[in-house]
Protein backbone atom coordinates (compact mmCIF):
# COMPACT_ATOMS: atom_id res chain seq x y z
CA MET A 1 -9.81 28.66 -15.06
CA ILE A 2 -7.28 28.70 -11.76
CA THR A 3 -4.74 31.08 -11.26
CA SER A 4 -3.53 31.74 -8.86
CA SER A 5 -2.31 29.57 -6.05
CA SER A 6 -3.77 30.61 -3.22
CA ASN A 7 -7.18 29.83 -4.56
CA PRO A 8 -8.19 27.63 -2.04
CA GLN A 9 -8.65 24.26 -3.65
CA MET A 10 -5.29 24.45 -4.80
CA LYS A 11 -4.65 25.21 -0.98
CA TRP A 12 -6.34 22.27 -0.11
CA ILE A 13 -4.74 19.94 -2.61
CA VAL A 14 -1.34 20.79 -0.65
CA GLN A 15 -2.40 20.16 2.79
CA LEU A 16 -3.83 17.13 1.85
CA ASN A 17 -0.29 16.29 0.05
CA LYS A 18 1.37 17.27 3.06
CA LYS A 19 -0.41 16.08 5.91
CA ALA A 20 -2.16 12.52 7.16
CA LYS A 21 -4.13 13.89 9.57
CA THR A 22 -5.92 16.58 6.82
CA ARG A 23 -6.33 13.48 4.59
CA TYR A 24 -7.98 11.00 7.39
CA GLU A 25 -10.06 14.17 8.31
CA GLN A 26 -11.28 14.86 4.93
CA ARG A 27 -11.60 11.06 3.83
CA VAL A 28 -10.01 12.09 1.03
CA PHE A 29 -6.29 12.00 -1.06
CA VAL A 30 -4.49 12.99 -4.07
CA VAL A 31 -3.57 10.66 -6.80
CA GLU A 32 -1.45 12.53 -9.52
CA GLY A 33 0.11 11.05 -12.89
CA ILE A 34 -1.37 9.51 -16.03
CA LYS A 35 -1.20 6.10 -15.97
CA ILE A 36 -1.98 5.71 -12.10
CA CYS A 37 -5.34 7.51 -11.73
CA GLN A 38 -6.73 5.63 -15.07
CA GLU A 39 -6.62 2.69 -12.50
CA ILE A 40 -8.45 4.26 -9.93
CA PRO A 41 -12.38 2.90 -9.77
CA SER A 42 -14.55 5.59 -11.43
CA GLU A 43 -16.75 5.53 -8.06
CA TRP A 44 -13.48 6.59 -6.34
CA ILE A 45 -13.33 9.79 -7.69
CA GLU A 46 -14.95 13.10 -6.82
CA LYS A 47 -12.58 15.46 -9.07
CA VAL A 48 -10.19 16.38 -11.43
CA TYR A 49 -7.72 18.62 -12.40
CA LEU A 50 -5.89 19.03 -15.39
CA SER A 51 -3.16 21.06 -16.86
CA GLU A 52 -4.26 23.40 -19.70
CA SER A 53 -1.69 21.62 -21.56
CA PHE A 54 -3.65 18.28 -20.40
CA PHE A 55 -7.16 19.82 -21.17
CA ARG A 56 -6.29 21.18 -24.93
CA ASP A 57 -5.43 17.44 -26.29
CA PRO A 58 -8.23 15.93 -27.12
CA LYS A 59 -7.01 12.54 -27.21
CA ARG A 60 -5.85 12.63 -23.89
CA MET A 61 -9.13 14.42 -22.41
CA GLU A 62 -11.36 11.83 -23.31
CA GLN A 63 -11.25 9.50 -20.54
CA TRP A 64 -11.89 12.84 -18.46
CA GLN A 65 -14.26 15.15 -20.26
CA ASP A 66 -17.71 13.12 -18.22
CA TYR A 67 -15.57 13.87 -15.04
CA PRO A 68 -16.16 16.61 -12.44
CA HIS A 69 -12.60 18.59 -13.42
CA GLU A 70 -10.98 22.12 -13.04
CA VAL A 71 -8.40 23.28 -15.05
CA VAL A 72 -5.30 24.85 -13.77
CA SER A 73 -2.34 26.55 -15.18
CA GLU A 74 0.79 25.14 -16.15
CA ARG A 75 2.68 27.44 -13.58
CA VAL A 76 -0.42 26.75 -10.68
CA PHE A 77 -0.11 23.00 -11.85
CA GLN A 78 3.72 23.08 -10.97
CA ALA A 79 3.22 24.90 -7.70
CA VAL A 80 0.58 22.63 -6.34
CA SER A 81 1.86 19.08 -7.61
CA ASP A 82 4.01 16.49 -5.79
CA THR A 83 6.49 15.33 -8.17
CA LYS A 84 9.11 17.59 -10.18
CA THR A 85 7.70 16.41 -13.90
CA PRO A 86 4.17 17.10 -13.72
CA GLN A 87 1.98 14.78 -16.22
CA GLY A 88 -0.89 17.59 -16.31
CA ILE A 89 -3.57 15.30 -14.20
CA LEU A 90 -4.45 14.45 -10.47
CA CYS A 91 -7.43 13.46 -8.83
CA LEU A 92 -9.09 13.77 -5.26
CA VAL A 93 -10.20 10.34 -4.32
CA LYS A 94 -12.17 8.99 -2.03
CA MET A 95 -10.76 7.25 0.87
CA PRO A 96 -11.87 3.77 0.75
CA LYS A 97 -12.29 1.66 4.35
CA TYR A 98 -12.33 -1.72 4.81
CA SER A 99 -12.95 -4.46 7.85
CA LEU A 100 -10.44 -6.90 8.67
CA GLU A 101 -13.20 -9.54 7.78
CA ASP A 102 -12.29 -7.58 3.64
CA ILE A 103 -8.95 -9.02 4.53
CA LEU A 104 -9.17 -12.53 4.83
CA GLY A 105 -10.50 -13.91 2.24
CA LYS A 106 -11.20 -17.25 1.35
CA ASN A 107 -7.37 -18.66 2.08
CA PRO A 108 -5.86 -16.00 4.13
CA HIS A 109 -2.51 -15.00 2.64
CA ILE A 110 -2.12 -11.63 4.69
CA LEU A 111 0.83 -9.48 4.56
CA ILE A 112 1.63 -8.07 8.73
CA LEU A 113 4.13 -4.83 9.13
CA GLU A 114 4.57 -3.55 12.41
CA ASP A 115 6.35 0.26 11.97
CA ILE A 116 7.27 0.09 8.11
CA GLN A 117 8.78 3.46 8.06
CA ASP A 118 9.63 4.20 4.36
CA PRO A 119 7.51 4.93 1.74
CA GLY A 120 8.66 3.32 -0.91
CA ASN A 121 8.99 -0.37 0.93
CA LEU A 122 5.25 0.22 1.60
CA GLY A 123 4.18 0.77 -1.59
CA THR A 124 6.29 -1.87 -2.98
CA MET A 125 5.20 -4.17 -0.77
CA LEU A 126 1.30 -3.55 -1.69
CA ARG A 127 2.81 -3.94 -5.39
CA THR A 128 4.23 -7.33 -4.84
CA GLY A 129 1.32 -8.78 -2.65
CA GLU A 130 -1.00 -7.65 -5.35
CA GLY A 131 1.60 -10.00 -7.69
CA ALA A 132 1.84 -12.56 -5.55
CA GLY A 133 -1.98 -12.99 -4.64
CA ILE A 134 -2.08 -11.95 -1.19
CA THR A 135 -5.78 -11.08 0.85
CA GLY A 136 -5.06 -8.01 1.97
CA VAL A 137 -2.36 -5.47 4.46
CA ILE A 138 -2.55 -5.08 8.16
CA MET A 139 -0.86 -2.66 9.34
CA SER A 140 0.45 -0.56 12.57
CA LYS A 141 -1.12 2.69 12.64
CA SER A 142 1.83 3.89 13.48
CA THR A 143 3.20 2.49 9.52
CA VAL A 144 3.51 5.32 7.70
CA ASP A 145 0.73 6.63 6.30
CA LEU A 146 -0.56 4.45 3.29
CA PHE A 147 -1.64 8.01 0.61
CA HIS A 148 1.32 9.44 1.34
CA PRO A 149 2.40 10.57 -2.46
CA LYS A 150 5.25 8.62 -2.76
CA VAL A 151 3.83 5.47 -1.09
CA ILE A 152 1.03 6.05 -3.78
CA ARG A 153 3.49 5.99 -6.27
CA SER A 154 5.13 3.02 -5.36
CA THR A 155 2.35 1.13 -5.70
CA MET A 156 1.62 1.73 -9.12
CA GLY A 157 -2.04 1.12 -8.79
CA SER A 158 -2.15 -2.04 -6.29
CA LEU A 159 -4.10 0.51 -3.93
CA PHE A 160 -7.11 0.70 -5.57
CA ARG A 161 -7.23 -3.55 -5.76
CA VAL A 162 -5.78 -4.69 -2.05
CA PRO A 163 -7.65 -4.70 0.84
CA PHE A 164 -5.93 -2.61 4.18
CA TYR A 165 -6.64 -2.79 7.75
CA ILE A 166 -4.75 -0.13 9.55
CA ALA A 167 -4.99 -1.39 13.26
CA GLU A 168 -5.71 0.35 16.93
CA ASP A 169 -4.04 -2.36 18.77
CA LEU A 170 -1.65 -4.82 16.53
CA SER A 171 -1.52 -7.34 18.81
CA GLU A 172 -4.98 -7.30 19.84
CA THR A 173 -5.71 -7.88 15.95
CA LEU A 174 -2.78 -10.55 15.86
CA ARG A 175 -4.73 -12.13 18.33
CA GLU A 176 -8.33 -12.17 16.44
CA LEU A 177 -6.41 -13.80 13.54
CA LYS A 178 -5.15 -16.43 15.95
CA GLU A 179 -8.31 -17.78 17.13
CA LYS A 180 -9.69 -17.39 13.26
CA GLY A 181 -6.66 -20.17 12.39
CA ILE A 182 -4.54 -18.22 10.65
CA SER A 183 -0.60 -19.12 11.49
CA LEU A 184 1.83 -16.37 11.97
CA TYR A 185 5.49 -16.48 11.11
CA ALA A 186 8.03 -13.68 12.38
CA ALA A 187 10.42 -12.77 9.80
CA HIS A 188 13.42 -12.82 12.87
CA LEU A 189 16.55 -13.15 12.99
CA GLU A 190 16.81 -15.62 15.50
CA GLY A 191 14.70 -18.21 13.08
CA LYS A 192 15.42 -21.72 13.30
CA LEU A 193 13.25 -22.56 10.30
CA LEU A 194 14.32 -21.69 6.39
CA TYR A 195 11.12 -19.53 4.82
CA GLN A 196 10.76 -21.69 2.58
CA GLU A 197 9.84 -25.40 5.06
CA PRO A 198 6.93 -24.58 6.67
CA ASP A 199 3.08 -25.39 4.28
CA TYR A 200 2.01 -22.13 3.86
CA ARG A 201 -1.02 -23.42 1.82
CA LYS A 202 -3.65 -23.19 4.65
CA SER A 203 -4.38 -19.80 6.13
CA CYS A 204 -1.24 -17.73 7.55
CA GLY A 205 -0.38 -14.39 7.89
CA PHE A 206 3.84 -12.81 7.58
CA LEU A 207 5.36 -10.55 10.13
CA ILE A 208 7.57 -7.26 8.78
CA GLY A 209 8.70 -5.43 11.19
CA ASN A 210 10.26 -1.48 11.03
CA GLU A 211 13.38 -0.95 8.93
CA GLY A 212 15.72 -0.43 11.63
CA ASN A 213 14.38 -2.29 14.58
CA GLY A 214 12.79 -5.72 13.20
CA LEU A 215 9.68 -6.50 15.16
CA SER A 216 8.98 -5.37 18.56
CA GLN A 217 9.16 -8.38 21.04
CA GLY A 218 5.65 -8.35 22.79
CA ILE A 219 4.68 -8.48 18.06
CA ALA A 220 6.86 -11.12 17.51
CA GLU A 221 6.22 -13.38 20.59
CA LEU A 222 2.37 -13.77 18.90
CA ALA A 223 4.17 -15.66 16.03
CA ASP A 224 3.53 -19.51 15.47
CA ALA A 225 6.94 -19.98 14.19
CA TYR A 226 10.56 -17.63 13.28
CA ILE A 227 11.44 -17.96 9.77
CA ARG A 228 14.59 -16.65 8.23
CA ILE A 229 16.19 -16.28 5.11
CA PRO A 230 19.90 -18.34 4.85
CA MET A 231 22.27 -15.21 3.89
CA GLU A 232 26.03 -15.18 2.73
CA GLY A 233 28.76 -13.35 2.80
CA ASN A 234 27.92 -10.59 6.18
CA VAL A 235 24.86 -9.33 5.33
CA GLU A 236 22.67 -9.92 8.12
CA SER A 237 19.30 -9.08 6.80
CA LEU A 238 17.26 -8.14 3.37
CA ASN A 239 15.14 -4.76 3.04
CA ALA A 240 11.61 -5.22 3.84
CA ALA A 241 10.22 -5.33 1.20
CA ILE A 242 12.76 -7.73 -0.07
CA ALA A 243 12.09 -10.11 2.33
CA ALA A 244 8.42 -9.81 2.24
CA ALA A 245 8.67 -10.50 -1.57
CA LEU A 246 10.83 -13.74 -0.88
CA LEU A 247 7.98 -14.85 1.78
CA MET A 248 4.93 -13.78 -0.26
CA TYR A 249 5.74 -15.69 -3.30
CA GLU A 250 6.62 -19.11 -1.78
CA THR A 251 3.67 -19.13 -0.22
CA ASN A 252 2.22 -18.50 -4.54
CA ARG A 253 4.43 -20.99 -5.09
CA GLN A 254 3.08 -23.53 -2.90
CA ARG A 255 -0.50 -23.12 -3.14
CA PHE A 256 -0.15 -22.41 -7.14
CA CYS A 257 1.90 -26.32 -7.34
CA THR A 258 -0.87 -27.01 -4.87
CA GLU A 259 -3.48 -26.22 -7.13
CA HIS A 260 -1.88 -27.42 -10.41
CA ASN A 261 -1.02 -30.97 -9.34
CA ARG A 262 -4.53 -32.03 -8.61
């Protein structure tokens, strides 16, 4: 049993939680909590760390006894945990890697994010995107790290099922999408079209910009059309995750209606 926070494994977990650079160098990230750990594909799990009380509970251990695991004292588990109320289990998980082709699917429905900075927003967009049937997410490299502990918790497991692609050059990636016949729509304050007006039944992608600054001019100009969400009162714009949800679900609605009216 690990009883010291100075244990090299415990120090490594702390570094993985704190530093994106470490995560990407090692291609490993940390997932914590009972429910979300249960959602990890088994082949992604590298090692499991269990608190002493979790390990002594036969019911809880039933699912985890066949994985490589280490038992950690309650005090040390609390010290390395990224949550205020640890649930007694954390997993080291292999980082998946997807190509741009993996994002496209049969009929692309893509969420494209430029410089999103709030971990909760990014996690919520992945979770909502899975529910709305997106084929994947494309992110600029300056978007908050997808494997940040808060992002992981916010995805509620969708991280393990929604393909993603981190673009080295977002402009170039968007040009590739356009060459493949994918229509790009920018959620933009200058939009003339109401968001429900375009036909999203064919290949499409939605551009969502930074929470404070919106889309950069260069990225926005690559869109085929600017769309807007109508606002009442003195509200100028919606939270990025909420705006993305409206657009993704409008696409889902159009496609669902077409499929069921055949």
